[in-house]
Amino acid sequence: MTAAVTPETGAAGPTEGAASGMTRRQILQAMSGLMAGMFVAILASTVVSNALPRIIADLHGTQSSYTWVVTAELLAMTATVPIWGKLSDLYDKKLLIQLSLSMFVVGSLVAGFSHSVGLLIVSRVVQGIGAGGLTALAQVVMAAIIPPRELGRYSGIFGAVFAVGTVAGPLIGGVLVDTSWLGWRWCFFIGVPFALLAIVLLQLTLKLPTIRREVKIDYVGAVLIMSGVSSLLLWVTLAGNRFDWASWQTAALVSAGVVLLATAVWVESRVAEPIIPLGIFRNRTVALTTVASLLVGVAMFGGTVFLSQYFQISLGKSPTTAGLMSLPMILGLMISTTVAGQIISARGKWKGFLIAGGIIMTAGMGLLSTIGADSSFGLLSVYMVVLGVGVGMLMQNLVLAAQNDVPASELGAATSVLSFFRSLGGAIGTSALGAVLGHRVTQELEKGFGGAAGGGTGGGVPELSKLPEPARVIVENAYGVATADVFLIGAPFAFLALVAVLFIKEKPLRTQSGMERLAEETAAASQPAAPAAH
């Protein structure tokens, strides 16, 4: 295997231009394209949430179709993140992120013009593959152009885009569906201009040395990883909904996932360029940040995904109001990410923020475990701000710690591994805690209605406006109690993330960007070995 690093401009020499760095203005210009791409990825996951009932009705789909429209994008995005990360270590990062944006555009256009559920599901797979690339590559490119010591200054921008996309997505989707001259198809079309803008901005502003490495891609490992992960994700997504947790489907999917991933580990340990270099897990920082990211995903996504349902059913709010009520948590996340990033860049110390984030996140989960149908929005806002502040301190800085402690040649793999395990934790948490919520709701309804489960709600998610007053109060209380239990069960996962963080060793933040480090590593590798002394 050989490697060469040449500037995009075509200047001669293996390292010329690679170590020159980028000015603050150039970095901000490049960030504009990256953030437009990230906004597209987040919007794709959130904008359809309020539109799906209308979409499935118009396309004459079933409840199973409803599940698959959501699951298809999640599977494709999560399973392909490690692949994109590895490709970024081998090939042109700029070209790869533009390719992922192009795939997103194609998937969005096909989805918008779909006239059958089957075609819509296929288009969501394409969208998910593109979103997986954006999820992995945006942070990889940031690490390539910005030194770890300076990265915190820009993390606030990332947090702001995450916040706006998360909050705006469901609201935009609801408005589009309710606007007669637009309709649900614009939920898919609306991301296309942002994606095209991102492609143009990246072409004009992102200047990275081009990497050419003569390698043989581990296609077998890639297929095994994607198949194994997809099998396990299918299980955690559909178990408790489409089939029981203890069933033959569970046994088949779990067995297949374990066998495929075990085979992938065997293959990865024997190839020259594995998709996920197993050696990175011998790095203590990477191993511990990976465990913490998985646990953060379980706690954060597994708990917060049910808040909107709690607002609507237990507190009786409209979907639009429920979306706005999550603003305190998003604002807490955005502010803590920005402030922590600025202080880390100024002082160069980061572990204290990881520990504080773990403590505050655990406290936020604990506080939210006390909510009920009579909780005031003022109190809920305080609890959500606490949780958001903890997540903001923890999530991005876990990535920073890992990126700071791996060779530049493995930045893509390390970054994508953390993103992958955080998404995997989110999928596991959402499914498992969703099953807990459903079981607890049933218990509370049986208690309230004297043993008659559902009490006229039909066993599904009830429509409060159609229930008589006594039944409505029982349903509201049931969902309040069940949602509190979800946070109570999620709190130990947040605490375990704190335990993992405590064992991470703080190391000084590097002052060179990823591309500068890669140029040095490449130059060092090309130097002939010194002759042995006799």
Protein backbone atom coordinates (compact mmCIF):
# COMPACT_ATOMS: atom_id res chain seq x y z
CA MET A 1 0.00 0.00 0.00
CA THR A 2 1.30 3.45 -0.87
CA ALA A 3 0.04 6.88 0.08
CA ALA A 4 0.47 10.34 -1.35
CA VAL A 5 -0.93 13.67 -0.31
CA THR A 6 -1.10 16.34 -3.00
CA PRO A 7 -2.89 19.68 -2.89
CA GLU A 8 -6.13 20.08 -4.77
CA THR A 9 -4.56 22.87 -6.76
CA GLY A 10 -2.20 20.41 -8.35
CA ALA A 11 1.03 21.82 -6.94
CA ALA A 12 3.87 19.40 -6.86
CA GLY A 13 5.16 17.66 -3.77
CA PRO A 14 3.70 15.24 -1.29
CA THR A 15 3.06 17.72 1.50
CA GLU A 16 3.13 21.18 -0.09
CA GLY A 17 -0.02 23.05 0.88
CA ALA A 18 -1.10 20.37 3.32
CA ALA A 19 0.51 22.04 6.26
CA SER A 20 -0.41 25.59 5.31
CA GLY A 21 -3.68 25.48 7.21
CA MET A 22 -6.76 27.66 6.59
CA THR A 23 -7.53 31.13 7.87
CA ARG A 24 -10.48 31.70 10.20
CA ARG A 25 -12.43 33.28 7.34
CA GLN A 26 -11.76 30.29 5.06
CA ILE A 27 -12.81 27.88 7.82
CA LEU A 28 -16.08 29.78 8.39
CA GLN A 29 -16.77 29.76 4.64
CA ALA A 30 -16.19 26.00 4.47
CA MET A 31 -18.32 25.51 7.59
CA SER A 32 -21.24 27.16 5.79
CA GLY A 33 -21.31 24.30 3.29
CA LEU A 34 -20.82 21.66 5.99
CA MET A 35 -23.61 23.07 8.15
CA ALA A 36 -25.99 23.33 5.19
CA GLY A 37 -25.33 19.63 4.62
CA MET A 38 -25.85 18.77 8.29
CA PHE A 39 -29.11 20.72 8.32
CA VAL A 40 -30.29 18.64 5.38
CA ALA A 41 -29.45 15.37 7.18
CA ILE A 42 -31.28 16.41 10.37
CA LEU A 43 -34.24 17.81 8.44
CA ALA A 44 -34.66 14.50 6.55
CA SER A 45 -35.13 12.65 9.83
CA THR A 46 -37.51 15.13 11.48
CA VAL A 47 -39.60 16.81 8.78
CA VAL A 48 -41.72 13.74 7.95
CA SER A 49 -42.77 12.95 11.53
CA ASN A 50 -45.97 15.02 11.43
CA ALA A 51 -46.62 14.23 7.75
CA LEU A 52 -46.47 10.42 7.82
CA PRO A 53 -50.16 9.77 8.62
CA ARG A 54 -51.19 11.83 5.55
CA ILE A 55 -48.47 10.27 3.38
CA ILE A 56 -49.48 6.69 4.21
CA ALA A 57 -53.17 7.50 3.71
CA ASP A 58 -52.57 9.11 0.29
CA LEU A 59 -50.41 6.20 -0.89
CA HIS A 60 -52.89 3.63 0.50
CA GLY A 61 -50.27 2.11 2.79
CA THR A 62 -50.65 -0.01 5.92
CA GLN A 63 -49.41 0.39 9.48
CA SER A 64 -46.50 -1.84 8.47
CA SER A 65 -45.70 0.62 5.67
CA TYR A 66 -45.74 3.44 8.22
CA THR A 67 -43.08 1.63 10.27
CA TRP A 68 -40.91 0.85 7.24
CA VAL A 69 -40.85 4.44 5.93
CA VAL A 70 -39.21 5.42 9.23
CA THR A 71 -37.12 2.28 9.71
CA ALA A 72 -35.66 2.21 6.19
CA GLU A 73 -33.94 5.59 6.57
CA LEU A 74 -32.71 4.75 10.10
CA LEU A 75 -31.24 1.41 9.00
CA ALA A 76 -29.50 2.83 5.94
CA MET A 77 -28.09 5.82 7.83
CA THR A 78 -26.79 3.91 10.86
CA ALA A 79 -25.40 0.91 8.99
CA THR A 80 -23.44 3.00 6.47
CA VAL A 81 -21.82 5.50 8.88
CA PRO A 82 -18.72 3.27 9.48
CA ILE A 83 -18.35 2.72 5.73
CA TRP A 84 -18.36 6.44 4.98
CA GLY A 85 -15.91 7.05 7.82
CA LYS A 86 -13.43 4.53 6.49
CA LEU A 87 -13.74 5.84 2.92
CA SER A 88 -12.87 9.31 4.24
CA ASP A 89 -9.54 7.93 5.49
CA LEU A 90 -8.76 6.56 2.02
CA TYR A 91 -10.23 9.00 -0.50
CA ASP A 92 -11.01 12.67 -1.12
CA LYS A 93 -13.20 13.87 1.77
CA LYS A 94 -14.60 16.75 -0.27
CA LEU A 95 -15.68 14.46 -3.10
CA LEU A 96 -17.23 11.99 -0.65
CA ILE A 97 -19.34 14.58 1.16
CA GLN A 98 -20.53 15.97 -2.19
CA LEU A 99 -21.39 12.41 -3.24
CA SER A 100 -23.42 11.87 -0.06
CA LEU A 101 -25.27 15.15 -0.70
CA SER A 102 -25.98 14.07 -4.29
CA MET A 103 -27.40 10.76 -3.06
CA PHE A 104 -29.60 12.69 -0.67
CA VAL A 105 -30.88 14.87 -3.53
CA VAL A 106 -31.72 11.83 -5.66
CA GLY A 107 -33.47 10.08 -2.75
CA SER A 108 -35.45 13.23 -1.90
CA LEU A 109 -36.63 13.77 -5.48
CA VAL A 110 -37.70 10.14 -5.87
CA ALA A 111 -39.51 10.29 -2.51
CA GLY A 112 -41.30 13.49 -3.48
CA PHE A 113 -42.53 12.03 -6.77
CA SER A 114 -43.40 8.60 -5.31
CA HIS A 115 -46.82 7.16 -6.15
CA SER A 116 -46.42 3.92 -4.21
CA VAL A 117 -45.26 2.99 -0.72
CA GLY A 118 -42.66 0.60 -2.13
CA LEU A 119 -40.94 3.33 -4.16
CA LEU A 120 -41.10 5.67 -1.16
CA ILE A 121 -39.35 3.10 1.05
CA VAL A 122 -36.60 2.58 -1.57
CA SER A 123 -36.11 6.35 -1.81
CA ARG A 124 -35.82 6.56 1.98
CA VAL A 125 -33.00 3.99 1.84
CA VAL A 126 -31.14 6.21 -0.64
CA GLN A 127 -31.82 9.23 1.56
CA GLY A 128 -30.52 7.30 4.56
CA ILE A 129 -27.27 6.33 2.82
CA GLY A 130 -26.70 10.00 1.94
CA ALA A 131 -27.57 11.10 5.49
CA GLY A 132 -25.14 8.51 6.86
CA GLY A 133 -22.38 10.09 4.80
CA LEU A 134 -23.27 13.57 6.00
CA THR A 135 -23.40 12.43 9.64
CA ALA A 136 -19.95 10.86 9.47
CA LEU A 137 -18.16 13.21 7.10
CA ALA A 138 -19.16 16.61 8.48
CA GLN A 139 -17.29 15.98 11.73
CA VAL A 140 -14.39 14.29 9.90
CA VAL A 141 -13.93 17.30 7.63
CA MET A 142 -14.12 19.66 10.62
CA ALA A 143 -11.35 17.67 12.30
CA ALA A 144 -9.32 17.79 9.08
CA ILE A 145 -9.35 21.58 8.77
CA ILE A 146 -9.55 22.67 12.44
CA PRO A 147 -7.02 21.75 15.17
CA PRO A 148 -8.58 20.10 18.27
CA ARG A 149 -7.51 23.08 20.39
CA GLU A 150 -9.62 25.39 18.18
CA LEU A 151 -12.50 22.99 17.44
CA GLY A 152 -14.57 24.12 20.41
CA ARG A 153 -14.90 27.61 18.95
CA TYR A 154 -16.88 26.18 16.06
CA SER A 155 -18.92 23.55 17.93
CA GLY A 156 -21.55 26.16 18.79
CA ILE A 157 -22.37 26.47 15.09
CA PHE A 158 -22.81 22.70 14.91
CA GLY A 159 -25.04 22.78 17.99
CA ALA A 160 -27.13 25.61 16.59
CA VAL A 161 -27.73 23.77 13.31
CA PHE A 162 -28.64 20.60 15.23
CA ALA A 163 -31.09 22.58 17.37
CA VAL A 164 -32.74 24.42 14.48
CA GLY A 165 -33.08 21.24 12.39
CA THR A 166 -34.51 19.25 15.29
CA VAL A 167 -37.08 21.86 16.29
CA ALA A 168 -37.92 23.23 12.84
CA GLY A 169 -38.32 19.86 11.12
CA PRO A 170 -41.64 18.75 12.66
CA LEU A 171 -43.01 22.31 12.52
CA ILE A 172 -42.11 22.69 8.83
CA GLY A 173 -43.57 19.26 8.08
CA GLY A 174 -46.86 20.15 9.80
CA VAL A 175 -47.16 23.47 7.94
CA LEU A 176 -46.41 21.87 4.55
CA VAL A 177 -49.00 19.13 5.06
CA ASP A 178 -51.66 21.62 6.15
CA THR A 179 -50.96 24.00 3.22
CA SER A 180 -53.24 22.84 0.39
CA TRP A 181 -51.11 24.20 -2.48
CA LEU A 182 -47.96 22.50 -1.17
CA GLY A 183 -48.77 19.17 0.49
CA TRP A 184 -46.65 16.35 1.94
CA ARG A 185 -44.44 15.93 -1.14
CA TRP A 186 -42.71 19.19 -0.25
CA CYS A 187 -41.49 17.54 2.97
CA PHE A 188 -39.01 15.79 0.67
CA PHE A 189 -38.49 18.57 -1.88
CA ILE A 190 -37.67 21.22 0.74
CA GLY A 191 -34.25 19.70 1.52
CA VAL A 192 -33.12 19.68 -2.12
CA PRO A 193 -32.20 23.41 -2.39
CA PHE A 194 -30.19 23.19 0.85
CA ALA A 195 -28.32 20.12 -0.43
CA LEU A 196 -27.54 21.75 -3.79
CA LEU A 197 -26.42 24.91 -1.99
CA ALA A 198 -24.13 22.82 0.22
CA ILE A 199 -22.56 21.12 -2.83
CA VAL A 200 -21.81 24.50 -4.44
CA LEU A 201 -20.50 26.07 -1.21
CA LEU A 202 -18.20 23.11 -0.54
CA GLN A 203 -16.87 23.24 -4.10
CA LEU A 204 -16.06 26.94 -3.75
CA THR A 205 -14.79 27.09 -0.17
CA LEU A 206 -13.41 23.74 1.00
CA LYS A 207 -9.73 23.39 0.12
CA LEU A 208 -8.30 20.05 1.20
CA PRO A 209 -5.23 18.19 -0.01
CA THR A 210 -6.24 15.26 -2.18
CA ILE A 211 -5.37 11.88 -0.74
CA ARG A 212 -4.43 9.07 -3.10
CA ARG A 213 -3.86 5.71 -1.47
CA GLU A 214 -3.49 2.47 -3.38
CA VAL A 215 -5.66 0.14 -1.32
CA LYS A 216 -7.98 -2.78 -1.72
CA ILE A 217 -11.39 -2.01 -0.23
CA ASP A 218 -12.70 -4.62 2.21
CA TYR A 219 -16.03 -5.19 0.49
CA VAL A 220 -16.69 -8.43 2.36
CA GLY A 221 -16.24 -6.71 5.72
CA ALA A 222 -18.46 -3.82 4.63
CA VAL A 223 -21.31 -6.15 3.60
CA LEU A 224 -20.99 -8.20 6.80
CA ILE A 225 -21.02 -5.10 9.02
CA MET A 226 -24.03 -3.57 7.27
CA SER A 227 -25.94 -6.87 7.28
CA GLY A 228 -25.20 -7.60 10.94
CA VAL A 229 -26.07 -4.11 12.11
CA SER A 230 -29.25 -4.06 10.00
CA SER A 231 -30.35 -7.37 11.50
CA LEU A 232 -29.95 -6.08 15.06
CA LEU A 233 -31.56 -2.73 14.22
CA LEU A 234 -34.53 -4.50 12.67
CA TRP A 235 -34.90 -6.48 15.89
CA VAL A 236 -34.79 -3.50 18.26
CA THR A 237 -37.06 -1.46 15.97
CA LEU A 238 -39.76 -4.06 15.39
CA ALA A 239 -39.66 -6.10 18.63
CA GLY A 240 -42.54 -5.25 20.93
CA ASN A 241 -44.40 -3.75 17.98
CA ARG A 242 -44.53 -6.19 15.07
CA PHE A 243 -43.68 -9.24 17.19
CA ASP A 244 -42.97 -10.14 20.82
CA TRP A 245 -39.54 -9.66 22.39
CA ALA A 246 -39.55 -13.38 23.22
CA SER A 247 -40.39 -14.89 19.82
CA TRP A 248 -38.86 -16.86 16.96
CA GLN A 249 -38.38 -13.61 15.02
CA THR A 250 -36.26 -12.25 17.87
CA ALA A 251 -34.20 -15.44 17.99
CA ALA A 252 -33.67 -15.40 14.22
CA LEU A 253 -32.72 -11.71 13.93
CA VAL A 254 -30.45 -11.68 17.00
CA SER A 255 -28.72 -14.91 15.98
CA ALA A 256 -28.19 -13.65 12.43
CA GLY A 257 -26.86 -10.31 13.69
CA VAL A 258 -24.43 -11.89 16.15
CA VAL A 259 -23.12 -14.43 13.61
CA LEU A 260 -22.69 -11.78 10.88
CA LEU A 261 -20.89 -9.35 13.19
CA ALA A 262 -18.67 -12.08 14.64
CA THR A 263 -17.73 -13.05 11.09
CA ALA A 264 -17.10 -9.37 10.30
CA VAL A 265 -14.70 -9.12 13.27
CA TRP A 266 -12.85 -12.21 12.02
CA VAL A 267 -12.59 -10.75 8.50
CA GLU A 268 -11.62 -7.28 9.74
CA SER A 269 -8.78 -8.72 11.82
CA ARG A 270 -7.20 -10.26 8.71
CA VAL A 271 -7.38 -7.58 6.00
CA ALA A 272 -4.87 -4.80 5.35
CA GLU A 273 -7.47 -1.99 5.32
CA PRO A 274 -10.42 -2.98 7.54
CA ILE A 275 -13.58 -0.87 7.47
CA ILE A 276 -13.32 -0.50 11.26
CA PRO A 277 -9.67 -0.88 12.32
CA LEU A 278 -10.00 -3.07 15.40
CA GLY A 279 -6.72 -1.67 16.66
CA ILE A 280 -8.36 1.68 17.46
CA PHE A 281 -10.22 0.00 20.33
CA ARG A 282 -6.86 -0.69 21.96
CA ASN A 283 -6.71 3.07 22.35
CA ARG A 284 -8.17 3.65 25.81
CA THR A 285 -9.72 7.00 24.88
CA VAL A 286 -11.49 5.61 21.81
CA ALA A 287 -12.77 2.56 23.69
CA LEU A 288 -14.17 4.60 26.59
CA THR A 289 -15.67 7.36 24.42
CA THR A 290 -17.33 4.67 22.30
CA VAL A 291 -18.92 3.08 25.37
CA ALA A 292 -20.00 6.51 26.64
CA SER A 293 -21.48 7.44 23.23
CA LEU A 294 -23.53 4.23 23.16
CA LEU A 295 -24.88 4.93 26.66
CA VAL A 296 -25.58 8.59 25.86
CA GLY A 297 -27.56 7.43 22.83
CA VAL A 298 -29.64 5.02 24.91
CA ALA A 299 -30.38 7.60 27.60
CA MET A 300 -30.86 10.70 25.46
CA PHE A 301 -32.77 9.41 22.43
CA GLY A 302 -34.55 6.69 24.39
CA GLY A 303 -35.93 9.24 26.82
CA THR A 304 -36.48 12.41 24.84
CA VAL A 305 -38.19 10.80 21.84
CA PHE A 306 -41.28 10.23 24.01
CA LEU A 307 -41.54 13.80 25.31
CA SER A 308 -43.59 14.96 22.32
CA GLN A 309 -46.12 12.17 22.93
CA TYR A 310 -46.23 13.13 26.62
CA PHE A 311 -46.91 16.77 25.75
CA GLN A 312 -49.74 15.82 23.39
CA ILE A 313 -51.47 13.05 25.36
CA SER A 314 -50.69 13.73 29.00
CA LEU A 315 -50.76 17.53 28.79
CA GLY A 316 -53.27 17.77 25.92
CA LYS A 317 -51.19 20.00 23.63
CA SER A 318 -51.36 20.21 19.82
CA PRO A 319 -48.52 18.74 17.69
CA THR A 320 -47.23 22.23 16.85
CA THR A 321 -47.29 23.31 20.50
CA ALA A 322 -45.61 20.05 21.52
CA GLY A 323 -42.79 20.78 19.08
CA LEU A 324 -42.30 24.25 20.53
CA MET A 325 -42.32 22.90 24.09
CA SER A 326 -39.07 21.03 23.45
CA LEU A 327 -37.26 24.34 22.84
CA PRO A 328 -35.86 24.64 26.41
CA MET A 329 -33.93 21.38 26.03
CA ILE A 330 -32.57 22.37 22.62
CA LEU A 331 -31.59 25.82 23.87
CA GLY A 332 -29.84 24.28 26.88
CA LEU A 333 -27.91 21.98 24.55
CA MET A 334 -26.95 24.79 22.17
CA ILE A 335 -25.81 27.20 24.90
CA SER A 336 -23.79 24.62 26.82
CA THR A 337 -22.10 23.36 23.64
CA THR A 338 -21.13 26.90 22.66
CA VAL A 339 -19.93 28.03 26.09
CA ALA A 340 -18.05 24.79 26.82
CA GLY A 341 -16.40 24.91 23.39
CA GLN A 342 -15.20 28.46 23.89
CA ILE A 343 -13.74 27.70 27.32
CA ILE A 344 -12.08 24.49 26.10
CA SER A 345 -10.44 26.36 23.20
CA ALA A 346 -9.24 29.09 25.57
CA ARG A 347 -7.92 26.81 28.34
CA GLY A 348 -7.16 23.57 26.54
CA LYS A 349 -8.82 21.48 29.27
CA TRP A 350 -11.77 19.25 28.37
CA LYS A 351 -12.26 16.37 30.82
CA GLY A 352 -13.95 18.54 33.44
CA PHE A 353 -16.72 19.31 30.96
CA LEU A 354 -17.22 15.61 30.20
CA ILE A 355 -17.58 14.85 33.91
CA ALA A 356 -19.87 17.84 34.50
CA GLY A 357 -21.94 16.84 31.45
CA GLY A 358 -22.34 13.28 32.74
CA ILE A 359 -23.42 14.51 36.18
CA ILE A 360 -25.86 17.10 34.81
CA MET A 361 -27.31 14.71 32.23
CA THR A 362 -27.94 12.09 34.93
CA ALA A 363 -29.55 14.76 37.11
CA GLY A 364 -31.77 15.88 34.22
CA MET A 365 -32.96 12.32 33.60
CA GLY A 366 -33.65 11.94 37.32
CA LEU A 367 -35.63 15.19 37.46
CA LEU A 368 -37.72 14.20 34.43
CA SER A 369 -38.54 10.91 36.16
CA THR A 370 -40.72 12.94 38.56
CA ILE A 371 -43.07 14.43 35.94
CA GLY A 372 -46.77 13.68 35.70
CA ALA A 373 -50.00 14.79 34.07
CA ASP A 374 -50.17 17.82 36.36
CA SER A 375 -46.59 19.07 35.84
CA SER A 376 -46.33 22.76 34.98
CA PHE A 377 -44.50 23.85 31.84
CA GLY A 378 -42.26 26.11 33.94
CA LEU A 379 -40.99 23.13 35.95
CA LEU A 380 -40.69 20.97 32.84
CA SER A 381 -38.66 23.71 31.15
CA VAL A 382 -36.16 23.75 34.01
CA TYR A 383 -35.79 19.96 33.88
CA MET A 384 -35.36 19.99 30.10
CA VAL A 385 -32.76 22.76 30.26
CA VAL A 386 -30.78 20.69 32.79
CA LEU A 387 -30.87 17.65 30.50
CA GLY A 388 -29.96 19.75 27.44
CA VAL A 389 -27.00 21.37 29.22
CA GLY A 390 -25.64 17.94 30.21
CA VAL A 391 -26.02 16.49 26.73
CA GLY A 392 -24.41 19.58 25.18
CA MET A 393 -21.33 19.28 27.37
CA LEU A 394 -20.99 15.55 26.79
CA MET A 395 -21.92 14.62 23.23
CA GLN A 396 -19.60 16.78 21.10
CA ASN A 397 -16.69 16.66 23.53
CA LEU A 398 -16.62 12.86 23.44
CA VAL A 399 -15.88 13.18 19.71
CA LEU A 400 -13.24 15.84 20.42
CA ALA A 401 -11.46 13.60 22.96
CA ALA A 402 -11.33 10.68 20.51
CA GLN A 403 -10.22 12.77 17.52
CA ASN A 404 -7.43 14.28 19.61
CA ASP A 405 -5.98 10.88 20.52
CA VAL A 406 -5.85 8.96 17.21
CA PRO A 407 -3.47 9.21 14.25
CA ALA A 408 -4.73 11.53 11.51
CA SER A 409 -4.96 8.51 9.18
CA GLU A 410 -7.68 7.05 11.43
CA LEU A 411 -9.71 10.22 12.09
CA GLY A 412 -12.54 9.10 9.82
CA ALA A 413 -12.80 5.63 11.33
CA ALA A 414 -12.70 6.89 14.92
CA THR A 415 -15.24 9.66 14.33
CA SER A 416 -17.67 7.41 12.49
CA VAL A 417 -17.40 4.68 15.15
CA LEU A 418 -18.57 7.15 17.81
CA SER A 419 -21.42 8.43 15.60
CA PHE A 420 -22.40 4.87 14.77
CA PHE A 421 -22.55 3.70 18.40
CA ARG A 422 -24.47 6.81 19.46
CA SER A 423 -27.07 6.13 16.74
CA LEU A 424 -27.15 2.44 17.64
CA GLY A 425 -27.70 3.34 21.29
CA GLY A 426 -30.51 5.65 20.25
CA ALA A 427 -32.23 2.90 18.25
CA ILE A 428 -31.88 0.42 21.09
CA GLY A 429 -33.06 2.93 23.68
CA THR A 430 -36.04 4.08 21.63
CA SER A 431 -37.26 0.53 21.06
CA ALA A 432 -36.58 -0.91 24.51
CA LEU A 433 -37.86 2.10 26.45
CA GLY A 434 -40.82 2.33 24.07
CA ALA A 435 -41.75 -1.21 25.05
CA VAL A 436 -41.45 -0.21 28.71
CA LEU A 437 -43.69 2.80 28.11
CA GLY A 438 -46.31 0.70 26.32
CA HIS A 439 -46.36 -1.91 29.09
CA ARG A 440 -46.61 0.74 31.82
CA VAL A 441 -49.43 2.56 30.01
CA THR A 442 -51.39 -0.70 29.77
CA GLN A 443 -50.90 -1.34 33.51
CA GLU A 444 -52.09 2.15 34.44
CA LEU A 445 -55.10 1.96 32.11
CA GLU A 446 -56.11 -1.43 33.54
CA LYS A 447 -55.81 0.02 37.03
CA GLY A 448 -57.81 3.13 36.12
CA PHE A 449 -60.56 1.32 34.21
CA GLY A 450 -60.85 -1.53 36.68
CA GLY A 451 -59.15 -4.24 34.61
CA ALA A 452 -60.54 -3.24 31.19
CA ALA A 453 -57.32 -2.48 29.30
CA GLY A 454 -57.72 0.48 27.01
CA GLY A 455 -61.01 1.56 28.51
CA GLY A 456 -62.44 2.36 25.11
CA THR A 457 -59.24 3.67 23.63
CA GLY A 458 -58.97 0.69 21.32
CA GLY A 459 -55.57 -0.36 22.56
CA GLY A 460 -53.84 2.22 20.35
CA VAL A 461 -52.72 5.78 20.95
CA PRO A 462 -55.90 7.51 22.12
CA GLU A 463 -57.45 10.66 20.65
CA LEU A 464 -58.23 12.69 23.76
CA SER A 465 -60.88 14.89 22.15
CA LYS A 466 -63.10 11.85 21.59
CA LEU A 467 -62.91 10.56 25.18
CA PRO A 468 -65.34 11.44 27.97
CA GLU A 469 -63.85 13.52 30.80
CA PRO A 470 -63.30 10.65 33.33
CA ALA A 471 -61.59 8.46 30.72
CA ARG A 472 -59.47 11.36 29.50
CA VAL A 473 -58.11 12.00 33.00
CA ILE A 474 -57.17 8.31 33.39
CA VAL A 475 -55.38 8.27 30.00
CA GLU A 476 -53.52 11.51 30.74
CA ASN A 477 -52.34 10.13 34.08
CA ALA A 478 -51.30 6.80 32.51
CA TYR A 479 -49.05 8.48 29.96
CA GLY A 480 -47.63 10.83 32.60
CA VAL A 481 -46.67 7.95 34.89
CA ALA A 482 -45.30 5.85 32.01
CA THR A 483 -43.15 8.68 30.61
CA ALA A 484 -41.68 9.35 34.06
CA ASP A 485 -40.77 5.66 34.33
CA VAL A 486 -38.97 5.82 30.98
CA PHE A 487 -36.68 8.56 32.32
CA LEU A 488 -36.20 6.68 35.58
CA ILE A 489 -34.97 3.63 33.66
CA GLY A 490 -32.86 5.80 31.34
CA ALA A 491 -31.08 7.58 34.22
CA PRO A 492 -28.77 4.63 35.08
CA PHE A 493 -27.53 4.57 31.48
CA ALA A 494 -26.59 8.25 31.81
CA PHE A 495 -24.80 7.42 35.08
CA LEU A 496 -22.87 4.59 33.41
CA ALA A 497 -21.78 7.06 30.71
CA LEU A 498 -20.43 9.24 33.54
CA VAL A 499 -18.52 6.25 34.95
CA ALA A 500 -16.93 5.59 31.53
CA VAL A 501 -15.94 9.26 31.25
CA LEU A 502 -14.21 9.19 34.66
CA PHE A 503 -11.70 6.65 33.35
CA ILE A 504 -10.74 8.71 30.27
CA LYS A 505 -7.26 10.19 30.64
CA GLU A 506 -7.05 13.88 29.75
CA LYS A 507 -4.42 14.66 27.15
CA PRO A 508 -3.34 18.09 25.84
CA LEU A 509 -5.30 19.21 22.79
CA ARG A 510 -3.27 19.20 19.58
CA THR A 511 -2.64 22.50 17.86
CA GLN A 512 -2.40 21.05 14.33
CA SER A 513 -5.32 20.28 12.04
CA GLY A 514 -5.95 16.76 10.81
CA MET A 515 -4.48 17.51 7.39
CA GLU A 516 -1.32 19.00 8.92
CA ARG A 517 -0.89 15.92 11.09
CA LEU A 518 -1.53 13.63 8.12
CA ALA A 519 1.16 15.41 6.12
CA GLU A 520 3.64 14.83 8.94
CA GLU A 521 2.64 11.18 9.33
CA THR A 522 2.96 10.61 5.57
CA ALA A 523 6.38 12.29 5.47
CA ALA A 524 7.58 10.25 8.46
CA ALA A 525 6.37 7.01 6.91
CA SER A 526 8.22 7.76 3.67
CA GLN A 527 11.56 8.31 5.42
CA PRO A 528 13.96 5.36 5.06
CA ALA A 529 14.70 3.49 8.27
CA ALA A 530 17.99 4.43 9.93
CA PRO A 531 20.69 1.74 9.52
CA ALA A 532 21.29 -0.41 12.57
CA ALA A 533 24.43 0.38 14.57
CA HIS A 534 27.16 -2.28 14.58
